[in-house]
Amino acid sequence: MWGLPFKKMVKSPAEIELIKESSLLVSKTLAELANHIKPGVTPLFLDKLAEEFIRDHGAVPGFKGYGDFPNTLCFSINSAVVHGIPNNTVVKEDDVLSIDCGTIMNEFYGDQAFTFAMAGVEMEVIKLLQVTRKSLSLGIEQAIVGKRVGDIGFAIQQYCEKEHGYGVVRELVGHGLGKSLHEDPEVPNYGRKGQGTKLLENMVLAIEPMINLGTRDVVSAQDGWTILTKDGKVSAHYEHDIVVKKEKAEILTDFEVIDQAIKKNNYLQEIVE
C-alpha cells in the first residue's frame, strides 16, 4: 500500500502470537477513539490520544515516521480514501471517518482500519460501509491454504463491484505483515480466481478493501499523502490482520471491541454487515 520493499511471508507460531499482540492493541486503540468521536472533536486531538494510548500499553505507533508520515493515524474523511493527515479540521455530524492505525510491539507490526459513520450520515453511505465491511469477511473466507491471492480479490470485487456497483480502488492493496509493515504478498481487492501468489499456512496478511461510492478512480492531494476519490464521493475502508490456515483463516484483529464502543456513543452509527 505504501510502495516499500516486501519481506518473508510464512511466520512461525511464536511470531504469529507476537503479531497478534500488536494487532489487538490496534483494535483496542480504535475502540478507545470510538469513545471520544463526536461533533467538534479534531483529528489531531484523536491522533494524540491514539499515540498516548499506544505508548501507555508498551508499544510505539507503527505509522509515525514510516516513510516520513508525520502522525500516528491515517485519518481520512469522506472523499479521502486513505493516508489522510490528521489536522485541526472539526469533525461534523454527517462525516465519514476512515481511521487506519498501526503499532509496533516486540518488533512486530499490527495494522487495522475501520470506518466510523457519524449519526447524520445518510443511508446511501451507510450501505456502502456495510457492503465494504461484508466484502472484507468474504475476502477472509478465501484466505485458506491452497487458494491464491486472486481468490481473495475476486470475492471482494464480485461483491462490491458486480453486485453493488461500487468502485473498487486498484492503486492501493493489502499486504503481508510481520517485522515490516508491508511484506509479500500484495493482496489486491480485485482479481481472478486461481491467479496470483499461492496461499501457504501461517502467512500473515492484512486484507483491506477500499471501496468508493462512485468511480474507482483516485487522485493524490497536494499534501503528497492523502488519496482522494476522483469524483469527490465517499470512500470506505476496513482492514483485518489474518493468518492463513487450512480450513478457516484466523483473525488477529478485533472488530467486536470497536463495535461495543460504538454502541455506547450516541454520535456514531453502528455498521452491521
C-alpha atoms as a PDB file:
ATOM      1  CA  MET A   1       0.000   0.000   0.000  1.00  0.00           C
ATOM      2  CA  TRP A   2       2.905   2.375   0.667  1.00  0.00           C
ATOM      3  CA  GLY A   3       5.123   1.021  -2.106  1.00  0.00           C
ATOM      4  CA  LEU A   4       8.029  -0.093   0.115  1.00  0.00           C
ATOM      5  CA  PRO A   5      10.023  -3.393  -0.070  1.00  0.00           C
ATOM      6  CA  PHE A   6       8.453  -6.722   0.827  1.00  0.00           C
ATOM      7  CA  LYS A   7       9.921  -9.383   3.142  1.00  0.00           C
ATOM      8  CA  LYS A   8       9.382 -13.043   4.062  1.00  0.00           C
ATOM      9  CA  MET A   9       5.835 -14.402   4.111  1.00  0.00           C
ATOM     10  CA  VAL A  10       5.342 -17.503   6.324  1.00  0.00           C
ATOM     11  CA  LYS A  11       5.563 -16.953  10.081  1.00  0.00           C
ATOM     12  CA  SER A  12       6.287 -19.281  12.993  1.00  0.00           C
ATOM     13  CA  PRO A  13       3.640 -19.843  15.699  1.00  0.00           C
ATOM     14  CA  ALA A  14       5.721 -17.712  18.095  1.00  0.00           C
ATOM     15  CA  GLU A  15       5.904 -14.877  15.570  1.00  0.00           C
ATOM     16  CA  ILE A  16       2.155 -15.066  14.975  1.00  0.00           C
ATOM     17  CA  GLU A  17       1.489 -14.676  18.688  1.00  0.00           C
ATOM     18  CA  LEU A  18       3.608 -11.524  18.769  1.00  0.00           C
ATOM     19  CA  ILE A  19       1.843 -10.112  15.706  1.00  0.00           C
ATOM     20  CA  LYS A  20      -1.477 -10.891  17.401  1.00  0.00           C
ATOM     21  CA  GLU A  21      -0.496  -8.878  20.480  1.00  0.00           C
ATOM     22  CA  SER A  22       0.322  -5.874  18.348  1.00  0.00           C
ATOM     23  CA  SER A  23      -2.787  -6.325  16.199  1.00  0.00           C
ATOM     24  CA  LEU A  24      -5.125  -6.493  19.189  1.00  0.00           C
ATOM     25  CA  LEU A  25      -3.585  -3.325  20.577  1.00  0.00           C
ATOM     26  CA  VAL A  26      -4.561  -1.568  17.355  1.00  0.00           C
ATOM     27  CA  SER A  27      -8.140  -2.794  17.845  1.00  0.00           C
ATOM     28  CA  LYS A  28      -8.162  -1.510  21.418  1.00  0.00           C
ATOM     29  CA  THR A  29      -6.777   1.823  20.234  1.00  0.00           C
ATOM     30  CA  LEU A  30      -9.552   2.209  17.650  1.00  0.00           C
ATOM     31  CA  ALA A  31     -12.097   1.302  20.339  1.00  0.00           C
ATOM     32  CA  GLU A  32     -10.641   3.970  22.607  1.00  0.00           C
ATOM     33  CA  LEU A  33     -11.005   6.505  19.807  1.00  0.00           C
ATOM     34  CA  ALA A  34     -14.646   5.460  19.374  1.00  0.00           C
ATOM     35  CA  ASN A  35     -15.252   6.613  22.929  1.00  0.00           C
ATOM     36  CA  HIS A  36     -14.180  10.144  22.022  1.00  0.00           C
ATOM     37  CA  ILE A  37     -15.505  10.734  18.492  1.00  0.00           C
ATOM     38  CA  LYS A  38     -18.188  13.429  18.441  1.00  0.00           C
ATOM     39  CA  PRO A  39     -19.014  16.622  16.527  1.00  0.00           C
ATOM     40  CA  GLY A  40     -16.442  19.301  17.284  1.00  0.00           C
ATOM     41  CA  VAL A  41     -13.528  16.972  18.025  1.00  0.00           C
ATOM     42  CA  THR A  42     -10.494  17.295  15.756  1.00  0.00           C
ATOM     43  CA  PRO A  43      -8.500  14.525  14.031  1.00  0.00           C
ATOM     44  CA  LEU A  44      -5.334  15.926  15.599  1.00  0.00           C
ATOM     45  CA  PHE A  45      -6.808  15.535  19.089  1.00  0.00           C
ATOM     46  CA  LEU A  46      -7.706  11.910  18.324  1.00  0.00           C
ATOM     47  CA  ASP A  47      -4.248  11.349  16.857  1.00  0.00           C
ATOM     48  CA  LYS A  48      -2.569  12.499  20.066  1.00  0.00           C
ATOM     49  CA  LEU A  49      -4.948  10.356  22.091  1.00  0.00           C
ATOM     50  CA  ALA A  50      -4.058   7.302  19.984  1.00  0.00           C
ATOM     51  CA  GLU A  51      -0.327   7.870  20.386  1.00  0.00           C
ATOM     52  CA  GLU A  52      -0.637   8.204  24.155  1.00  0.00           C
ATOM     53  CA  PHE A  53      -2.795   5.065  24.371  1.00  0.00           C
ATOM     54  CA  ILE A  54      -0.343   3.013  22.283  1.00  0.00           C
ATOM     55  CA  ARG A  55       2.690   4.150  24.266  1.00  0.00           C
ATOM     56  CA  ASP A  56       0.905   3.587  27.577  1.00  0.00           C
ATOM     57  CA  HIS A  57       0.463  -0.050  26.514  1.00  0.00           C
ATOM     58  CA  GLY A  58       4.127  -0.675  25.858  1.00  0.00           C
ATOM     59  CA  ALA A  59       4.187  -0.165  22.103  1.00  0.00           C
ATOM     60  CA  VAL A  60       5.037   2.585  19.645  1.00  0.00           C
ATOM     61  CA  PRO A  61       2.986   3.969  16.753  1.00  0.00           C
ATOM     62  CA  GLY A  62       3.600   1.960  13.600  1.00  0.00           C
ATOM     63  CA  PHE A  63       2.897   4.734  11.098  1.00  0.00           C
ATOM     64  CA  LYS A  64       4.591   7.757  12.669  1.00  0.00           C
ATOM     65  CA  GLY A  65       7.839   8.306  10.812  1.00  0.00           C
ATOM     66  CA  TYR A  66       7.178   5.437   8.404  1.00  0.00           C
ATOM     67  CA  GLY A  67       8.210   6.807   5.034  1.00  0.00           C
ATOM     68  CA  ASP A  68       8.234  10.191   6.804  1.00  0.00           C
ATOM     69  CA  PHE A  69       4.500  10.021   7.570  1.00  0.00           C
ATOM     70  CA  PRO A  70       4.017  12.659  10.303  1.00  0.00           C
ATOM     71  CA  ASN A  71       1.315  11.147  12.532  1.00  0.00           C
ATOM     72  CA  THR A  72       0.083   8.106  14.430  1.00  0.00           C
ATOM     73  CA  LEU A  73      -3.185   7.789  12.498  1.00  0.00           C
ATOM     74  CA  CYS A  74      -4.116   7.914   8.861  1.00  0.00           C
ATOM     75  CA  PHE A  75      -7.319   9.938   9.253  1.00  0.00           C
ATOM     76  CA  SER A  76      -9.349  10.061   6.027  1.00  0.00           C
ATOM     77  CA  ILE A  77     -12.650  11.973   5.949  1.00  0.00           C
ATOM     78  CA  ASN A  78     -15.465  11.492   3.407  1.00  0.00           C
ATOM     79  CA  SER A  79     -13.870  11.516  -0.074  1.00  0.00           C
ATOM     80  CA  ALA A  80     -10.411  10.749   1.320  1.00  0.00           C
ATOM     81  CA  VAL A  81      -9.716   7.056   0.683  1.00  0.00           C
ATOM     82  CA  VAL A  82      -6.544   6.579   2.739  1.00  0.00           C
ATOM     83  CA  HIS A  83      -3.434   8.269   4.153  1.00  0.00           C
ATOM     84  CA  GLY A  84      -5.162  11.430   5.353  1.00  0.00           C
ATOM     85  CA  ILE A  85      -3.021  13.532   7.692  1.00  0.00           C
ATOM     86  CA  PRO A  86      -4.711  14.497  10.988  1.00  0.00           C
ATOM     87  CA  ASN A  87      -5.286  18.235  11.371  1.00  0.00           C
ATOM     88  CA  ASN A  88      -7.463  20.687  13.292  1.00  0.00           C
ATOM     89  CA  THR A  89     -10.482  20.398  10.993  1.00  0.00           C
ATOM     90  CA  VAL A  90     -13.580  19.957  13.162  1.00  0.00           C
ATOM     91  CA  VAL A  91     -15.475  16.678  12.753  1.00  0.00           C
ATOM     92  CA  LYS A  92     -19.087  17.264  11.656  1.00  0.00           C
ATOM     93  CA  GLU A  93     -22.212  15.272  12.479  1.00  0.00           C
ATOM     94  CA  ASP A  94     -22.525  13.902   8.910  1.00  0.00           C
ATOM     95  CA  ASP A  95     -18.876  12.929   8.346  1.00  0.00           C
ATOM     96  CA  VAL A  96     -17.498   9.515   7.449  1.00  0.00           C
ATOM     97  CA  LEU A  97     -14.183   8.874   9.223  1.00  0.00           C
ATOM     98  CA  SER A  98     -11.856   6.166   7.927  1.00  0.00           C
ATOM     99  CA  ILE A  99      -9.139   5.646  10.519  1.00  0.00           C
ATOM    100  CA  ASP A 100      -6.111   3.435   9.840  1.00  0.00           C
ATOM    101  CA  CYS A 101      -3.752   2.695  12.728  1.00  0.00           C
ATOM    102  CA  GLY A 102      -0.575   0.707  13.245  1.00  0.00           C
ATOM    103  CA  THR A 103       1.517  -0.362  16.219  1.00  0.00           C
ATOM    104  CA  ILE A 104       4.889  -1.955  16.827  1.00  0.00           C
ATOM    105  CA  MET A 105       5.205  -4.244  19.837  1.00  0.00           C
ATOM    106  CA  ASN A 106       8.016  -6.754  20.396  1.00  0.00           C
ATOM    107  CA  GLU A 107       9.373  -5.786  16.959  1.00  0.00           C
ATOM    108  CA  PHE A 108       6.179  -6.860  15.131  1.00  0.00           C
ATOM    109  CA  TYR A 109       3.525  -4.719  13.496  1.00  0.00           C
ATOM    110  CA  GLY A 110      -0.229  -4.622  13.883  1.00  0.00           C
ATOM    111  CA  ASP A 111      -2.314  -2.820  11.255  1.00  0.00           C
ATOM    112  CA  GLN A 112      -6.055  -2.201  11.149  1.00  0.00           C
ATOM    113  CA  ALA A 113      -8.557   0.204   9.610  1.00  0.00           C
ATOM    114  CA  PHE A 114     -12.164   0.970  10.492  1.00  0.00           C
ATOM    115  CA  THR A 115     -14.670   3.414   9.022  1.00  0.00           C
ATOM    116  CA  PHE A 116     -16.839   5.299  11.508  1.00  0.00           C
ATOM    117  CA  ALA A 117     -20.171   6.834  10.489  1.00  0.00           C
ATOM    118  CA  MET A 118     -21.366   9.889  12.363  1.00  0.00           C
ATOM    119  CA  ALA A 119     -25.038   9.996  13.344  1.00  0.00           C
ATOM    120  CA  GLY A 120     -26.000  12.278  10.450  1.00  0.00           C
ATOM    121  CA  VAL A 121     -24.634  10.064   7.668  1.00  0.00           C
ATOM    122  CA  GLU A 122     -27.274   9.156   5.063  1.00  0.00           C
ATOM    123  CA  MET A 123     -28.428   5.595   4.367  1.00  0.00           C
ATOM    124  CA  GLU A 124     -26.823   5.533   0.911  1.00  0.00           C
ATOM    125  CA  VAL A 125     -23.443   5.907   2.586  1.00  0.00           C
ATOM    126  CA  ILE A 126     -24.286   3.523   5.421  1.00  0.00           C
ATOM    127  CA  LYS A 127     -24.964   0.857   2.798  1.00  0.00           C
ATOM    128  CA  LEU A 128     -21.519   1.466   1.286  1.00  0.00           C
ATOM    129  CA  LEU A 129     -19.940   0.876   4.686  1.00  0.00           C
ATOM    130  CA  GLN A 130     -21.998  -2.269   5.252  1.00  0.00           C
ATOM    131  CA  VAL A 131     -21.038  -3.693   1.863  1.00  0.00           C
ATOM    132  CA  THR A 132     -17.364  -2.827   2.327  1.00  0.00           C
ATOM    133  CA  ARG A 133     -17.268  -4.486   5.729  1.00  0.00           C
ATOM    134  CA  LYS A 134     -19.058  -7.562   4.394  1.00  0.00           C
ATOM    135  CA  SER A 135     -16.627  -7.750   1.474  1.00  0.00           C
ATOM    136  CA  LEU A 136     -13.774  -7.992   3.956  1.00  0.00           C
ATOM    137  CA  SER A 137     -15.413 -11.045   5.518  1.00  0.00           C
ATOM    138  CA  LEU A 138     -15.907 -12.589   2.077  1.00  0.00           C
ATOM    139  CA  GLY A 139     -12.266 -12.000   1.232  1.00  0.00           C
ATOM    140  CA  ILE A 140     -11.120 -13.552   4.512  1.00  0.00           C
ATOM    141  CA  GLU A 141     -13.185 -16.657   3.733  1.00  0.00           C
ATOM    142  CA  GLN A 142     -10.887 -17.225   0.764  1.00  0.00           C
ATOM    143  CA  ALA A 143      -7.684 -16.925   2.834  1.00  0.00           C
ATOM    144  CA  ILE A 144      -7.109 -20.645   3.263  1.00  0.00           C
ATOM    145  CA  VAL A 145      -4.262 -22.958   2.286  1.00  0.00           C
ATOM    146  CA  GLY A 146      -4.222 -23.809  -1.421  1.00  0.00           C
ATOM    147  CA  LYS A 147      -6.188 -20.772  -2.550  1.00  0.00           C
ATOM    148  CA  ARG A 148      -4.491 -17.832  -4.236  1.00  0.00           C
ATOM    149  CA  VAL A 149      -4.388 -14.102  -3.692  1.00  0.00           C
ATOM    150  CA  GLY A 150      -6.637 -13.691  -6.726  1.00  0.00           C
ATOM    151  CA  ASP A 151      -9.385 -15.623  -4.952  1.00  0.00           C
ATOM    152  CA  ILE A 152      -9.424 -13.032  -2.168  1.00  0.00           C
ATOM    153  CA  GLY A 153      -9.550 -10.140  -4.603  1.00  0.00           C
ATOM    154  CA  PHE A 154     -12.193 -11.796  -6.759  1.00  0.00           C
ATOM    155  CA  ALA A 155     -14.532 -12.298  -3.791  1.00  0.00           C
ATOM    156  CA  ILE A 156     -14.222  -8.645  -2.761  1.00  0.00           C
ATOM    157  CA  GLN A 157     -14.558  -7.294  -6.291  1.00  0.00           C
ATOM    158  CA  GLN A 158     -17.507  -9.505  -7.200  1.00  0.00           C
ATOM    159  CA  TYR A 159     -19.493  -8.415  -4.153  1.00  0.00           C
ATOM    160  CA  CYS A 160     -18.687  -4.690  -4.241  1.00  0.00           C
ATOM    161  CA  GLU A 161     -18.395  -4.016  -7.941  1.00  0.00           C
ATOM    162  CA  LYS A 162     -20.559  -6.587  -9.692  1.00  0.00           C
ATOM    163  CA  GLU A 163     -23.348  -6.935  -7.107  1.00  0.00           C
ATOM    164  CA  HIS A 164     -23.493  -3.364  -5.769  1.00  0.00           C
ATOM    165  CA  GLY A 165     -21.932  -1.147  -8.442  1.00  0.00           C
ATOM    166  CA  TYR A 166     -19.288   0.451  -6.218  1.00  0.00           C
ATOM    167  CA  GLY A 167     -15.765   1.431  -7.271  1.00  0.00           C
ATOM    168  CA  VAL A 168     -13.011  -0.939  -6.144  1.00  0.00           C
ATOM    169  CA  VAL A 169      -9.758   1.003  -5.796  1.00  0.00           C
ATOM    170  CA  ARG A 170      -6.962  -0.546  -7.862  1.00  0.00           C
ATOM    171  CA  GLU A 171      -3.937   1.557  -6.894  1.00  0.00           C
ATOM    172  CA  LEU A 172      -3.918   0.555  -3.201  1.00  0.00           C
ATOM    173  CA  VAL A 173      -3.710  -3.012  -1.907  1.00  0.00           C
ATOM    174  CA  GLY A 174      -3.436  -5.194   1.175  1.00  0.00           C
ATOM    175  CA  HIS A 175      -0.169  -6.898   2.080  1.00  0.00           C
ATOM    176  CA  GLY A 176       1.780  -9.329   4.191  1.00  0.00           C
ATOM    177  CA  LEU A 177       2.616  -8.279   7.743  1.00  0.00           C
ATOM    178  CA  GLY A 178       5.397  -9.014  10.225  1.00  0.00           C
ATOM    179  CA  LYS A 179       8.564  -7.228  11.302  1.00  0.00           C
ATOM    180  CA  SER A 180       7.920  -4.941   8.345  1.00  0.00           C
ATOM    181  CA  LEU A 181       4.644  -3.116   7.894  1.00  0.00           C
ATOM    182  CA  HIS A 182       4.398  -4.200   4.276  1.00  0.00           C
ATOM    183  CA  GLU A 183       5.622  -7.621   3.235  1.00  0.00           C
ATOM    184  CA  ASP A 184       4.890 -10.067   0.423  1.00  0.00           C
ATOM    185  CA  PRO A 185       2.431 -10.860  -0.966  1.00  0.00           C
ATOM    186  CA  GLU A 186       0.438  -7.894  -2.214  1.00  0.00           C
ATOM    187  CA  VAL A 187      -3.298  -8.514  -1.725  1.00  0.00           C
ATOM    188  CA  PRO A 188      -5.373  -6.527  -4.252  1.00  0.00           C
ATOM    189  CA  ASN A 189      -9.113  -6.086  -3.754  1.00  0.00           C
ATOM    190  CA  TYR A 190      -9.756  -7.257  -7.301  1.00  0.00           C
ATOM    191  CA  GLY A 191      -8.536 -10.250  -9.262  1.00  0.00           C
ATOM    192  CA  ARG A 192      -9.266 -13.557 -10.926  1.00  0.00           C
ATOM    193  CA  LYS A 193      -9.928 -16.908  -9.288  1.00  0.00           C
ATOM    194  CA  GLY A 194      -6.902 -19.173  -9.178  1.00  0.00           C
ATOM    195  CA  GLN A 195      -4.453 -16.382 -10.042  1.00  0.00           C
ATOM    196  CA  GLY A 196      -1.659 -14.791  -8.044  1.00  0.00           C
ATOM    197  CA  THR A 197       0.503 -15.937  -5.151  1.00  0.00           C
ATOM    198  CA  LYS A 198      -0.459 -19.296  -3.652  1.00  0.00           C
ATOM    199  CA  LEU A 199      -1.554 -19.049  -0.022  1.00  0.00           C
ATOM    200  CA  LEU A 200       0.567 -21.035   2.421  1.00  0.00           C
ATOM    201  CA  GLU A 201      -0.194 -21.983   6.017  1.00  0.00           C
ATOM    202  CA  ASN A 202       0.826 -19.304   8.526  1.00  0.00           C
ATOM    203  CA  MET A 203       1.109 -16.494   6.035  1.00  0.00           C
ATOM    204  CA  VAL A 204       0.015 -13.304   7.841  1.00  0.00           C
ATOM    205  CA  LEU A 205      -1.977 -10.926   5.658  1.00  0.00           C
ATOM    206  CA  ALA A 206      -3.553  -7.515   6.111  1.00  0.00           C
ATOM    207  CA  ILE A 207      -6.691  -7.610   3.952  1.00  0.00           C
ATOM    208  CA  GLU A 208      -8.192  -4.154   3.452  1.00  0.00           C
ATOM    209  CA  PRO A 209     -10.903  -3.364   0.902  1.00  0.00           C
ATOM    210  CA  MET A 210     -11.033   0.318  -0.064  1.00  0.00           C
ATOM    211  CA  ILE A 211     -14.369   0.852  -1.805  1.00  0.00           C
ATOM    212  CA  ASN A 212     -15.788   4.049  -3.325  1.00  0.00           C
ATOM    213  CA  LEU A 213     -19.424   5.087  -3.596  1.00  0.00           C
ATOM    214  CA  GLY A 214     -18.772   6.252  -7.153  1.00  0.00           C
ATOM    215  CA  THR A 215     -15.863   5.788  -9.516  1.00  0.00           C
ATOM    216  CA  ARG A 216     -12.925   3.551  -8.635  1.00  0.00           C
ATOM    217  CA  ASP A 217     -10.516   6.283  -9.820  1.00  0.00           C
ATOM    218  CA  VAL A 218      -8.445   8.183  -7.282  1.00  0.00           C
ATOM    219  CA  VAL A 219      -6.181  11.237  -7.228  1.00  0.00           C
ATOM    220  CA  SER A 220      -3.435  12.458  -4.905  1.00  0.00           C
ATOM    221  CA  ALA A 221      -3.943  15.536  -2.768  1.00  0.00           C
ATOM    222  CA  GLN A 222      -1.442  18.394  -2.657  1.00  0.00           C
ATOM    223  CA  ASP A 223      -0.092  17.234   0.719  1.00  0.00           C
ATOM    224  CA  GLY A 224       1.594  14.314  -1.061  1.00  0.00           C
ATOM    225  CA  TRP A 225      -0.097  11.721   1.159  1.00  0.00           C
ATOM    226  CA  THR A 226      -3.887  11.846   1.052  1.00  0.00           C
ATOM    227  CA  ILE A 227      -5.573   9.786  -1.664  1.00  0.00           C
ATOM    228  CA  LEU A 228      -8.985  11.119  -2.755  1.00  0.00           C
ATOM    229  CA  THR A 229     -11.804   9.751  -4.880  1.00  0.00           C
ATOM    230  CA  LYS A 230     -11.674  11.415  -8.287  1.00  0.00           C
ATOM    231  CA  ASP A 231     -15.395  12.234  -8.266  1.00  0.00           C
ATOM    232  CA  GLY A 232     -15.442  13.529  -4.692  1.00  0.00           C
ATOM    233  CA  LYS A 233     -17.802  10.828  -3.433  1.00  0.00           C
ATOM    234  CA  VAL A 234     -17.370   8.988  -0.133  1.00  0.00           C
ATOM    235  CA  SER A 235     -14.997   6.052   0.324  1.00  0.00           C
ATOM    236  CA  ALA A 236     -14.941   3.277   2.949  1.00  0.00           C
ATOM    237  CA  HIS A 237     -12.012   1.258   4.325  1.00  0.00           C
ATOM    238  CA  TYR A 238     -11.977  -1.770   6.629  1.00  0.00           C
ATOM    239  CA  GLU A 239      -8.956  -3.922   7.473  1.00  0.00           C
ATOM    240  CA  HIS A 240      -8.195  -7.106   9.414  1.00  0.00           C
ATOM    241  CA  ASP A 241      -4.905  -8.875  10.056  1.00  0.00           C
ATOM    242  CA  ILE A 242      -5.351 -12.608   9.459  1.00  0.00           C
ATOM    243  CA  VAL A 243      -3.387 -15.865   9.409  1.00  0.00           C
ATOM    244  CA  VAL A 244      -3.875 -18.285   6.513  1.00  0.00           C
ATOM    245  CA  LYS A 245      -4.992 -21.701   7.814  1.00  0.00           C
ATOM    246  CA  LYS A 246      -6.129 -24.979   6.238  1.00  0.00           C
ATOM    247  CA  GLU A 247      -9.873 -24.708   6.875  1.00  0.00           C
ATOM    248  CA  LYS A 248     -10.561 -21.168   8.116  1.00  0.00           C
ATOM    249  CA  ALA A 249      -8.370 -18.089   8.494  1.00  0.00           C
ATOM    250  CA  GLU A 250      -7.555 -16.900  12.000  1.00  0.00           C
ATOM    251  CA  ILE A 251      -8.398 -13.220  12.525  1.00  0.00           C
ATOM    252  CA  LEU A 252      -5.831 -11.444  14.705  1.00  0.00           C
ATOM    253  CA  THR A 253      -7.561  -8.072  14.968  1.00  0.00           C
ATOM    254  CA  ASP A 254     -10.947  -7.496  16.592  1.00  0.00           C
ATOM    255  CA  PHE A 255     -13.958  -5.517  15.370  1.00  0.00           C
ATOM    256  CA  GLU A 256     -16.142  -6.524  18.317  1.00  0.00           C
ATOM    257  CA  VAL A 257     -14.334  -4.324  20.827  1.00  0.00           C
ATOM    258  CA  ILE A 258     -14.774  -1.379  18.435  1.00  0.00           C
ATOM    259  CA  ASP A 259     -18.446  -2.185  17.854  1.00  0.00           C
ATOM    260  CA  GLN A 260     -19.056  -2.275  21.602  1.00  0.00           C
ATOM    261  CA  ALA A 261     -17.595   1.207  21.987  1.00  0.00           C
ATOM    262  CA  ILE A 262     -19.710   2.490  19.087  1.00  0.00           C
ATOM    263  CA  LYS A 263     -22.900   1.199  20.731  1.00  0.00           C
ATOM    264  CA  LYS A 264     -22.187   3.414  23.736  1.00  0.00           C
ATOM    265  CA  ASN A 265     -21.581   6.523  21.628  1.00  0.00           C
ATOM    266  CA  ASN A 266     -24.754   8.381  20.607  1.00  0.00           C
ATOM    267  CA  TYR A 267     -22.841  10.335  17.968  1.00  0.00           C
ATOM    268  CA  LEU A 268     -21.910   7.221  15.956  1.00  0.00           C
ATOM    269  CA  GLN A 269     -23.965   4.769  13.880  1.00  0.00           C
ATOM    270  CA  GLU A 270     -23.412   1.046  14.207  1.00  0.00           C
ATOM    271  CA  ILE A 271     -22.443  -0.655  10.954  1.00  0.00           C
ATOM    272  CA  VAL A 272     -23.649  -4.239  10.590  1.00  0.00           C
ATOM    273  CA  GLU A 273     -22.614  -6.455   7.675  1.00  0.00           C
END
